[in-house]
Amino acid sequence: MIAIITGATGDIGEEFVKSLIGEVDHIWAVGRSENKLNALREKYGDKIAPIICDLSDKDSIIGLCHKIEDEHPDIRYLVNNAGVARMAPVTEFPIEELCDMLEINDTAATLLCRASLPYMAEGSNILNIASASAFQPNPYIAVYSASKAYLLSFTRSLNVENKGINCIAVCPGWVDTKMLPSKTKSGKVIKYPGMVSADVVVRTALKDLRKGKDVSVCSPYYRYTRFLSKVVPHKTMMKLWIREIEDYIE
């Protein structure tokens, strides 16, 4: 039995490693940095199988998919955790950066789900790390938000298509990780409402998975914003979002 975890050396990824290592024989820890992957193995032992893969490169993604097809592993968990984000107007992103974001956030997750499903028995699990920003459009993280909306929709559909395999979209808001923008600007503390730690995200996700949910939201603040996004016009929600991030973008 194995678990496949992308972005395994990141904050959330490592929390999944810690939480799942006792449930499987090996964890395929997927990442770009050989040094970080080796450090993860040194920390958690021989159950960690480092797999160097650049998920911004479609050929590398397909290569990993072929590895799955060639080895026919018994996959109990697939955790599509790898993701990238940056806060800026769309016009400030180089074309190549946007391509990388879509490859990592969407293409990799989609293709790995497709490659893994034939090797997942009843009771196996797919956790796709989406975002609370999937619930509505969000200016200044427009492409990131749209990529996570895709992942949310895709995951919920998979959960219906594949009876017996539990598929859940994990949708945290601000998480206190290295991906978080600076906590200060011009000497002013920037507040991130509803922020939680990576371990809370993972513990809540696994708890919600076992309850049979197809969406996990790990804080009351973002459960409330999810509700608002269903009943309040998105133009209004976007204004509220701009007000929330104005300290960061001004």
C-alpha atoms as a PDB file:
ATOM      1  CA  MET A   1       0.000   0.000   0.000  1.00  0.00           C
ATOM      2  CA  ILE A   2       1.276   3.462  -0.816  1.00  0.00           C
ATOM      3  CA  ALA A   3       0.352   7.107  -0.544  1.00  0.00           C
ATOM      4  CA  ILE A   4       1.349   9.588  -3.236  1.00  0.00           C
ATOM      5  CA  ILE A   5       1.844  13.130  -1.952  1.00  0.00           C
ATOM      6  CA  THR A   6       2.833  15.974  -4.256  1.00  0.00           C
ATOM      7  CA  GLY A   7       4.446  19.043  -2.754  1.00  0.00           C
ATOM      8  CA  ALA A   8       5.518  16.673   0.007  1.00  0.00           C
ATOM      9  CA  THR A   9       8.282  18.916   1.348  1.00  0.00           C
ATOM     10  CA  GLY A  10       5.991  21.921   1.876  1.00  0.00           C
ATOM     11  CA  ASP A  11       4.250  22.713   5.140  1.00  0.00           C
ATOM     12  CA  ILE A  12       0.920  21.063   4.321  1.00  0.00           C
ATOM     13  CA  GLY A  13       2.631  18.257   2.413  1.00  0.00           C
ATOM     14  CA  GLU A  14       4.816  17.320   5.355  1.00  0.00           C
ATOM     15  CA  GLU A  15       1.793  17.352   7.672  1.00  0.00           C
ATOM     16  CA  PHE A  16       0.183  14.792   5.367  1.00  0.00           C
ATOM     17  CA  VAL A  17       3.380  12.737   5.473  1.00  0.00           C
ATOM     18  CA  LYS A  18       3.274  12.728   9.282  1.00  0.00           C
ATOM     19  CA  SER A  19      -0.426  11.850   9.352  1.00  0.00           C
ATOM     20  CA  LEU A  20      -0.383   9.057   6.751  1.00  0.00           C
ATOM     21  CA  ILE A  21       2.992   7.379   7.263  1.00  0.00           C
ATOM     22  CA  GLY A  22       1.543   4.951   9.789  1.00  0.00           C
ATOM     23  CA  GLU A  23      -1.232   3.839   7.417  1.00  0.00           C
ATOM     24  CA  VAL A  24       0.811   2.774   4.385  1.00  0.00           C
ATOM     25  CA  ASP A  25       3.929   0.815   3.514  1.00  0.00           C
ATOM     26  CA  HIS A  26       5.538   3.620   1.507  1.00  0.00           C
ATOM     27  CA  ILE A  27       4.937   7.243   0.645  1.00  0.00           C
ATOM     28  CA  TRP A  28       5.873   8.439  -2.802  1.00  0.00           C
ATOM     29  CA  ALA A  29       7.037  11.921  -1.846  1.00  0.00           C
ATOM     30  CA  VAL A  30       6.908  14.048  -4.987  1.00  0.00           C
ATOM     31  CA  GLY A  31       8.820  17.312  -5.287  1.00  0.00           C
ATOM     32  CA  ARG A  32      11.357  19.283  -7.302  1.00  0.00           C
ATOM     33  CA  SER A  33      14.184  19.551  -4.774  1.00  0.00           C
ATOM     34  CA  GLU A  34      16.350  16.463  -4.365  1.00  0.00           C
ATOM     35  CA  ASN A  35      17.903  17.921  -1.210  1.00  0.00           C
ATOM     36  CA  LYS A  36      14.532  18.588   0.434  1.00  0.00           C
ATOM     37  CA  LEU A  37      13.219  15.155  -0.522  1.00  0.00           C
ATOM     38  CA  ASN A  38      16.315  13.474   0.886  1.00  0.00           C
ATOM     39  CA  ALA A  39      15.954  15.498   4.081  1.00  0.00           C
ATOM     40  CA  LEU A  40      12.346  14.314   4.332  1.00  0.00           C
ATOM     41  CA  ARG A  41      13.521  10.708   4.041  1.00  0.00           C
ATOM     42  CA  GLU A  42      16.194  11.228   6.670  1.00  0.00           C
ATOM     43  CA  LYS A  43      13.560  12.647   8.991  1.00  0.00           C
ATOM     44  CA  TYR A  44      10.833  10.028   8.461  1.00  0.00           C
ATOM     45  CA  GLY A  45      12.780   6.941   7.419  1.00  0.00           C
ATOM     46  CA  ASP A  46      12.777   4.369   4.664  1.00  0.00           C
ATOM     47  CA  LYS A  47       9.020   4.522   4.135  1.00  0.00           C
ATOM     48  CA  ILE A  48       9.681   7.716   2.182  1.00  0.00           C
ATOM     49  CA  ALA A  49      10.341   7.091  -1.515  1.00  0.00           C
ATOM     50  CA  PRO A  50      11.606  10.410  -2.964  1.00  0.00           C
ATOM     51  CA  ILE A  51      10.391  11.129  -6.482  1.00  0.00           C
ATOM     52  CA  ILE A  52      11.894  14.137  -8.235  1.00  0.00           C
ATOM     53  CA  CYS A  53       9.316  15.605 -10.587  1.00  0.00           C
ATOM     54  CA  ASP A  54       8.767  19.115 -11.932  1.00  0.00           C
ATOM     55  CA  LEU A  55       4.989  19.446 -11.995  1.00  0.00           C
ATOM     56  CA  SER A  56       5.227  22.635 -14.034  1.00  0.00           C
ATOM     57  CA  ASP A  57       6.467  20.502 -16.938  1.00  0.00           C
ATOM     58  CA  LYS A  58       3.843  18.383 -18.701  1.00  0.00           C
ATOM     59  CA  ASP A  59       6.397  15.807 -19.844  1.00  0.00           C
ATOM     60  CA  SER A  60       7.487  15.310 -16.222  1.00  0.00           C
ATOM     61  CA  ILE A  61       3.866  14.923 -15.119  1.00  0.00           C
ATOM     62  CA  ILE A  62       3.233  12.341 -17.834  1.00  0.00           C
ATOM     63  CA  GLY A  63       6.437  10.550 -16.845  1.00  0.00           C
ATOM     64  CA  LEU A  64       5.128  10.203 -13.281  1.00  0.00           C
ATOM     65  CA  CYS A  65       1.799   8.928 -14.628  1.00  0.00           C
ATOM     66  CA  HIS A  66       3.635   6.298 -16.671  1.00  0.00           C
ATOM     67  CA  LYS A  67       5.567   5.253 -13.547  1.00  0.00           C
ATOM     68  CA  ILE A  68       2.237   4.596 -11.837  1.00  0.00           C
ATOM     69  CA  GLU A  69       0.982   2.594 -14.829  1.00  0.00           C
ATOM     70  CA  ASP A  70       4.207   0.578 -15.020  1.00  0.00           C
ATOM     71  CA  GLU A  71       4.379  -0.295 -11.316  1.00  0.00           C
ATOM     72  CA  HIS A  72       0.664  -0.973 -10.655  1.00  0.00           C
ATOM     73  CA  PRO A  73       0.902   0.169  -7.020  1.00  0.00           C
ATOM     74  CA  ASP A  74      -1.880  -0.292  -4.472  1.00  0.00           C
ATOM     75  CA  ILE A  75      -2.676   3.395  -3.946  1.00  0.00           C
ATOM     76  CA  ARG A  76      -4.577   4.110  -0.735  1.00  0.00           C
ATOM     77  CA  TYR A  77      -4.059   7.865  -0.740  1.00  0.00           C
ATOM     78  CA  LEU A  78      -3.406  10.363  -3.504  1.00  0.00           C
ATOM     79  CA  VAL A  79      -2.793  13.845  -2.110  1.00  0.00           C
ATOM     80  CA  ASN A  80      -2.486  16.493  -4.803  1.00  0.00           C
ATOM     81  CA  ASN A  81      -0.966  19.162  -2.592  1.00  0.00           C
ATOM     82  CA  ALA A  82       1.475  20.918  -4.941  1.00  0.00           C
ATOM     83  CA  GLY A  83       0.354  24.425  -5.796  1.00  0.00           C
ATOM     84  CA  VAL A  84       1.664  27.885  -6.516  1.00  0.00           C
ATOM     85  CA  ALA A  85       0.214  31.348  -5.999  1.00  0.00           C
ATOM     86  CA  ARG A  86       1.208  34.980  -6.168  1.00  0.00           C
ATOM     87  CA  MET A  87      -0.844  38.102  -5.529  1.00  0.00           C
ATOM     88  CA  ALA A  88      -0.716  40.608  -8.415  1.00  0.00           C
ATOM     89  CA  PRO A  89      -2.826  41.836 -11.341  1.00  0.00           C
ATOM     90  CA  VAL A  90      -2.916  39.355 -14.224  1.00  0.00           C
ATOM     91  CA  THR A  91      -0.992  41.800 -16.430  1.00  0.00           C
ATOM     92  CA  GLU A  92       2.022  41.590 -14.096  1.00  0.00           C
ATOM     93  CA  PHE A  93       2.443  37.842 -14.620  1.00  0.00           C
ATOM     94  CA  PRO A  94       4.798  36.654 -17.346  1.00  0.00           C
ATOM     95  CA  ILE A  95       3.083  34.233 -19.711  1.00  0.00           C
ATOM     96  CA  GLU A  96       5.430  31.447 -18.620  1.00  0.00           C
ATOM     97  CA  GLU A  97       4.510  31.916 -14.953  1.00  0.00           C
ATOM     98  CA  LEU A  98       0.813  31.597 -15.720  1.00  0.00           C
ATOM     99  CA  CYS A  99       1.487  28.427 -17.711  1.00  0.00           C
ATOM    100  CA  ASP A 100       3.441  26.972 -14.776  1.00  0.00           C
ATOM    101  CA  MET A 101       0.633  27.854 -12.355  1.00  0.00           C
ATOM    102  CA  LEU A 102      -1.992  26.080 -14.445  1.00  0.00           C
ATOM    103  CA  GLU A 103       0.229  23.036 -15.003  1.00  0.00           C
ATOM    104  CA  ILE A 104       0.935  22.650 -11.282  1.00  0.00           C
ATOM    105  CA  ASN A 105      -2.471  23.576  -9.877  1.00  0.00           C
ATOM    106  CA  ASP A 106      -4.685  21.824 -12.432  1.00  0.00           C
ATOM    107  CA  THR A 107      -2.973  19.694 -15.070  1.00  0.00           C
ATOM    108  CA  ALA A 108      -0.818  17.724 -12.628  1.00  0.00           C
ATOM    109  CA  ALA A 109      -3.716  17.013 -10.275  1.00  0.00           C
ATOM    110  CA  THR A 110      -6.006  15.989 -13.130  1.00  0.00           C
ATOM    111  CA  LEU A 111      -3.538  13.640 -14.799  1.00  0.00           C
ATOM    112  CA  LEU A 112      -2.412  12.063 -11.529  1.00  0.00           C
ATOM    113  CA  CYS A 113      -6.027  11.358 -10.595  1.00  0.00           C
ATOM    114  CA  ARG A 114      -6.558   9.736 -13.991  1.00  0.00           C
ATOM    115  CA  ALA A 115      -3.397   7.651 -13.678  1.00  0.00           C
ATOM    116  CA  SER A 116      -4.074   6.599 -10.076  1.00  0.00           C
ATOM    117  CA  LEU A 117      -7.761   5.672 -10.134  1.00  0.00           C
ATOM    118  CA  PRO A 118      -7.287   2.272 -11.842  1.00  0.00           C
ATOM    119  CA  TYR A 119      -4.973   1.287  -8.972  1.00  0.00           C
ATOM    120  CA  MET A 120      -7.225   2.435  -6.120  1.00  0.00           C
ATOM    121  CA  ALA A 121      -9.344  -0.175  -4.342  1.00  0.00           C
ATOM    122  CA  GLU A 122     -12.636   0.521  -2.618  1.00  0.00           C
ATOM    123  CA  GLY A 123     -11.995   2.668   0.442  1.00  0.00           C
ATOM    124  CA  SER A 124      -9.055   4.496  -1.111  1.00  0.00           C
ATOM    125  CA  ASN A 125      -8.876   8.272  -0.980  1.00  0.00           C
ATOM    126  CA  ILE A 126      -8.077  11.281  -3.147  1.00  0.00           C
ATOM    127  CA  LEU A 127      -7.455  14.611  -1.440  1.00  0.00           C
ATOM    128  CA  ASN A 128      -7.063  17.549  -3.804  1.00  0.00           C
ATOM    129  CA  ILE A 129      -5.854  20.685  -2.066  1.00  0.00           C
ATOM    130  CA  ALA A 130      -7.973  23.476  -3.477  1.00  0.00           C
ATOM    131  CA  SER A 131      -8.707  26.736  -1.635  1.00  0.00           C
ATOM    132  CA  ALA A 132     -11.477  28.841  -0.147  1.00  0.00           C
ATOM    133  CA  SER A 133     -10.748  31.185  -3.048  1.00  0.00           C
ATOM    134  CA  ALA A 134     -12.465  28.555  -5.228  1.00  0.00           C
ATOM    135  CA  PHE A 135     -15.841  29.709  -3.903  1.00  0.00           C
ATOM    136  CA  GLN A 136     -15.860  33.064  -5.739  1.00  0.00           C
ATOM    137  CA  PRO A 137     -13.814  35.186  -8.175  1.00  0.00           C
ATOM    138  CA  ASN A 138     -10.909  36.946  -6.442  1.00  0.00           C
ATOM    139  CA  PRO A 139      -9.147  39.873  -8.140  1.00  0.00           C
ATOM    140  CA  TYR A 140      -5.353  39.985  -7.773  1.00  0.00           C
ATOM    141  CA  ILE A 141      -5.263  36.191  -7.434  1.00  0.00           C
ATOM    142  CA  ALA A 142      -7.527  35.750 -10.435  1.00  0.00           C
ATOM    143  CA  VAL A 143      -5.771  32.819 -12.119  1.00  0.00           C
ATOM    144  CA  TYR A 144      -5.000  31.059  -8.848  1.00  0.00           C
ATOM    145  CA  SER A 145      -8.617  31.422  -7.745  1.00  0.00           C
ATOM    146  CA  ALA A 146      -9.930  30.146 -11.080  1.00  0.00           C
ATOM    147  CA  SER A 147      -7.507  27.205 -11.007  1.00  0.00           C
ATOM    148  CA  LYS A 148      -8.804  26.203  -7.582  1.00  0.00           C
ATOM    149  CA  ALA A 149     -12.425  26.577  -8.702  1.00  0.00           C
ATOM    150  CA  TYR A 150     -11.613  24.060 -11.433  1.00  0.00           C
ATOM    151  CA  LEU A 151     -10.072  21.694  -8.881  1.00  0.00           C
ATOM    152  CA  LEU A 152     -13.110  21.994  -6.579  1.00  0.00           C
ATOM    153  CA  SER A 153     -15.517  21.162  -9.406  1.00  0.00           C
ATOM    154  CA  PHE A 154     -13.345  18.346 -10.746  1.00  0.00           C
ATOM    155  CA  THR A 155     -12.966  16.704  -7.330  1.00  0.00           C
ATOM    156  CA  ARG A 156     -16.661  16.738  -6.504  1.00  0.00           C
ATOM    157  CA  SER A 157     -17.434  15.155  -9.872  1.00  0.00           C
ATOM    158  CA  LEU A 158     -14.820  12.444  -9.285  1.00  0.00           C
ATOM    159  CA  ASN A 159     -16.451  11.651  -5.970  1.00  0.00           C
ATOM    160  CA  VAL A 160     -19.718  10.840  -7.742  1.00  0.00           C
ATOM    161  CA  GLU A 161     -18.160   9.000 -10.681  1.00  0.00           C
ATOM    162  CA  ASN A 162     -16.010   6.671  -8.592  1.00  0.00           C
ATOM    163  CA  LYS A 163     -18.192   4.828  -6.105  1.00  0.00           C
ATOM    164  CA  GLY A 164     -16.227   3.513  -3.158  1.00  0.00           C
ATOM    165  CA  ILE A 165     -13.326   5.930  -3.601  1.00  0.00           C
ATOM    166  CA  ASN A 166     -13.492   8.970  -1.370  1.00  0.00           C
ATOM    167  CA  CYS A 167     -12.619  12.209  -3.172  1.00  0.00           C
ATOM    168  CA  ILE A 168     -12.481  15.455  -1.229  1.00  0.00           C
ATOM    169  CA  ALA A 169     -11.544  19.023  -2.131  1.00  0.00           C
ATOM    170  CA  VAL A 170      -9.668  20.616   0.753  1.00  0.00           C
ATOM    171  CA  CYS A 171     -10.435  24.340   0.775  1.00  0.00           C
ATOM    172  CA  PRO A 172      -8.494  26.306   3.381  1.00  0.00           C
ATOM    173  CA  GLY A 173      -8.277  30.073   3.427  1.00  0.00           C
ATOM    174  CA  TRP A 174      -5.125  31.760   4.689  1.00  0.00           C
ATOM    175  CA  VAL A 175      -2.677  29.149   5.986  1.00  0.00           C
ATOM    176  CA  ASP A 176       0.404  30.050   7.989  1.00  0.00           C
ATOM    177  CA  THR A 177       2.979  28.583   5.601  1.00  0.00           C
ATOM    178  CA  LYS A 178       5.949  29.767   3.579  1.00  0.00           C
ATOM    179  CA  MET A 179       3.545  30.584   0.703  1.00  0.00           C
ATOM    180  CA  LEU A 180       1.836  33.258   2.793  1.00  0.00           C
ATOM    181  CA  PRO A 181       2.576  36.831   1.671  1.00  0.00           C
ATOM    182  CA  SER A 182       4.549  39.039   4.050  1.00  0.00           C
ATOM    183  CA  LYS A 183       2.896  39.633   7.417  1.00  0.00           C
ATOM    184  CA  THR A 184       3.992  43.257   7.433  1.00  0.00           C
ATOM    185  CA  LYS A 185       4.129  46.070   4.908  1.00  0.00           C
ATOM    186  CA  SER A 186       5.715  49.462   5.509  1.00  0.00           C
ATOM    187  CA  GLY A 187       5.954  48.568   9.166  1.00  0.00           C
ATOM    188  CA  LYS A 188       2.231  47.782   9.386  1.00  0.00           C
ATOM    189  CA  VAL A 189       0.998  44.358  10.471  1.00  0.00           C
ATOM    190  CA  ILE A 190      -1.229  42.747   7.843  1.00  0.00           C
ATOM    191  CA  LYS A 191      -4.079  40.712   9.298  1.00  0.00           C
ATOM    192  CA  TYR A 192      -5.142  37.492   7.600  1.00  0.00           C
ATOM    193  CA  PRO A 193      -8.635  36.649   8.880  1.00  0.00           C
ATOM    194  CA  GLY A 194      -9.378  33.026   9.588  1.00  0.00           C
ATOM    195  CA  MET A 195      -5.732  31.997   9.275  1.00  0.00           C
ATOM    196  CA  VAL A 196      -4.916  28.490  10.517  1.00  0.00           C
ATOM    197  CA  SER A 197      -1.819  26.320  10.756  1.00  0.00           C
ATOM    198  CA  ALA A 198      -0.971  23.555   8.285  1.00  0.00           C
ATOM    199  CA  ASP A 199      -1.647  20.824  10.842  1.00  0.00           C
ATOM    200  CA  VAL A 200      -5.197  22.125  11.367  1.00  0.00           C
ATOM    201  CA  VAL A 201      -5.804  21.964   7.619  1.00  0.00           C
ATOM    202  CA  VAL A 202      -4.648  18.346   7.472  1.00  0.00           C
ATOM    203  CA  ARG A 203      -6.398  17.150  10.634  1.00  0.00           C
ATOM    204  CA  THR A 204      -9.678  18.712   9.508  1.00  0.00           C
ATOM    205  CA  ALA A 205      -9.324  17.328   5.984  1.00  0.00           C
ATOM    206  CA  LEU A 206      -8.798  13.756   7.209  1.00  0.00           C
ATOM    207  CA  LYS A 207     -11.658  14.088   9.689  1.00  0.00           C
ATOM    208  CA  ASP A 208     -14.002  15.379   6.972  1.00  0.00           C
ATOM    209  CA  LEU A 209     -12.827  12.640   4.601  1.00  0.00           C
ATOM    210  CA  ARG A 210     -13.824   9.968   7.105  1.00  0.00           C
ATOM    211  CA  LYS A 211     -17.226  11.606   7.483  1.00  0.00           C
ATOM    212  CA  GLY A 212     -17.794  11.177   3.749  1.00  0.00           C
ATOM    213  CA  LYS A 213     -17.671  14.876   2.887  1.00  0.00           C
ATOM    214  CA  ASP A 214     -16.549  16.004  -0.568  1.00  0.00           C
ATOM    215  CA  VAL A 215     -15.433  19.480   0.583  1.00  0.00           C
ATOM    216  CA  SER A 216     -13.372  20.353   3.659  1.00  0.00           C
ATOM    217  CA  VAL A 217     -13.250  23.898   5.040  1.00  0.00           C
ATOM    218  CA  CYS A 218     -11.081  24.175   8.114  1.00  0.00           C
ATOM    219  CA  SER A 219     -12.197  27.345   9.886  1.00  0.00           C
ATOM    220  CA  PRO A 220     -15.521  28.878  10.910  1.00  0.00           C
ATOM    221  CA  TYR A 221     -14.566  32.112   9.117  1.00  0.00           C
ATOM    222  CA  TYR A 222     -14.292  30.405   5.754  1.00  0.00           C
ATOM    223  CA  ARG A 223     -17.329  28.225   6.312  1.00  0.00           C
ATOM    224  CA  TYR A 224     -19.185  31.503   6.730  1.00  0.00           C
ATOM    225  CA  THR A 225     -17.630  33.048   3.609  1.00  0.00           C
ATOM    226  CA  ARG A 226     -18.552  29.915   1.663  1.00  0.00           C
ATOM    227  CA  PHE A 227     -22.153  30.388   2.745  1.00  0.00           C
ATOM    228  CA  LEU A 228     -22.004  34.075   1.786  1.00  0.00           C
ATOM    229  CA  SER A 229     -20.654  33.205  -1.650  1.00  0.00           C
ATOM    230  CA  LYS A 230     -23.812  31.193  -2.279  1.00  0.00           C
ATOM    231  CA  VAL A 231     -26.287  33.916  -1.295  1.00  0.00           C
ATOM    232  CA  VAL A 232     -24.497  37.230  -1.906  1.00  0.00           C
ATOM    233  CA  PRO A 233     -23.799  38.493  -5.467  1.00  0.00           C
ATOM    234  CA  HIS A 234     -20.220  37.831  -6.454  1.00  0.00           C
ATOM    235  CA  LYS A 235     -19.686  41.492  -7.334  1.00  0.00           C
ATOM    236  CA  THR A 236     -20.338  42.267  -3.671  1.00  0.00           C
ATOM    237  CA  MET A 237     -18.118  39.417  -2.522  1.00  0.00           C
ATOM    238  CA  MET A 238     -15.287  40.736  -4.690  1.00  0.00           C
ATOM    239  CA  LYS A 239     -15.618  44.169  -3.073  1.00  0.00           C
ATOM    240  CA  LEU A 240     -15.360  42.530   0.343  1.00  0.00           C
ATOM    241  CA  TRP A 241     -12.295  40.611  -0.831  1.00  0.00           C
ATOM    242  CA  ILE A 242     -10.600  43.794  -2.067  1.00  0.00           C
ATOM    243  CA  ARG A 243     -11.243  45.400   1.295  1.00  0.00           C
ATOM    244  CA  GLU A 244      -9.664  42.368   2.994  1.00  0.00           C
ATOM    245  CA  ILE A 245      -6.437  42.537   0.962  1.00  0.00           C
ATOM    246  CA  GLU A 246      -6.107  46.303   0.486  1.00  0.00           C
ATOM    247  CA  ASP A 247      -3.249  46.514   3.007  1.00  0.00           C
ATOM    248  CA  TYR A 248      -1.298  44.093   0.893  1.00  0.00           C
ATOM    249  CA  ILE A 249      -1.945  45.445  -2.609  1.00  0.00           C
ATOM    250  CA  GLU A 250      -1.818  49.204  -2.009  1.00  0.00           C
END
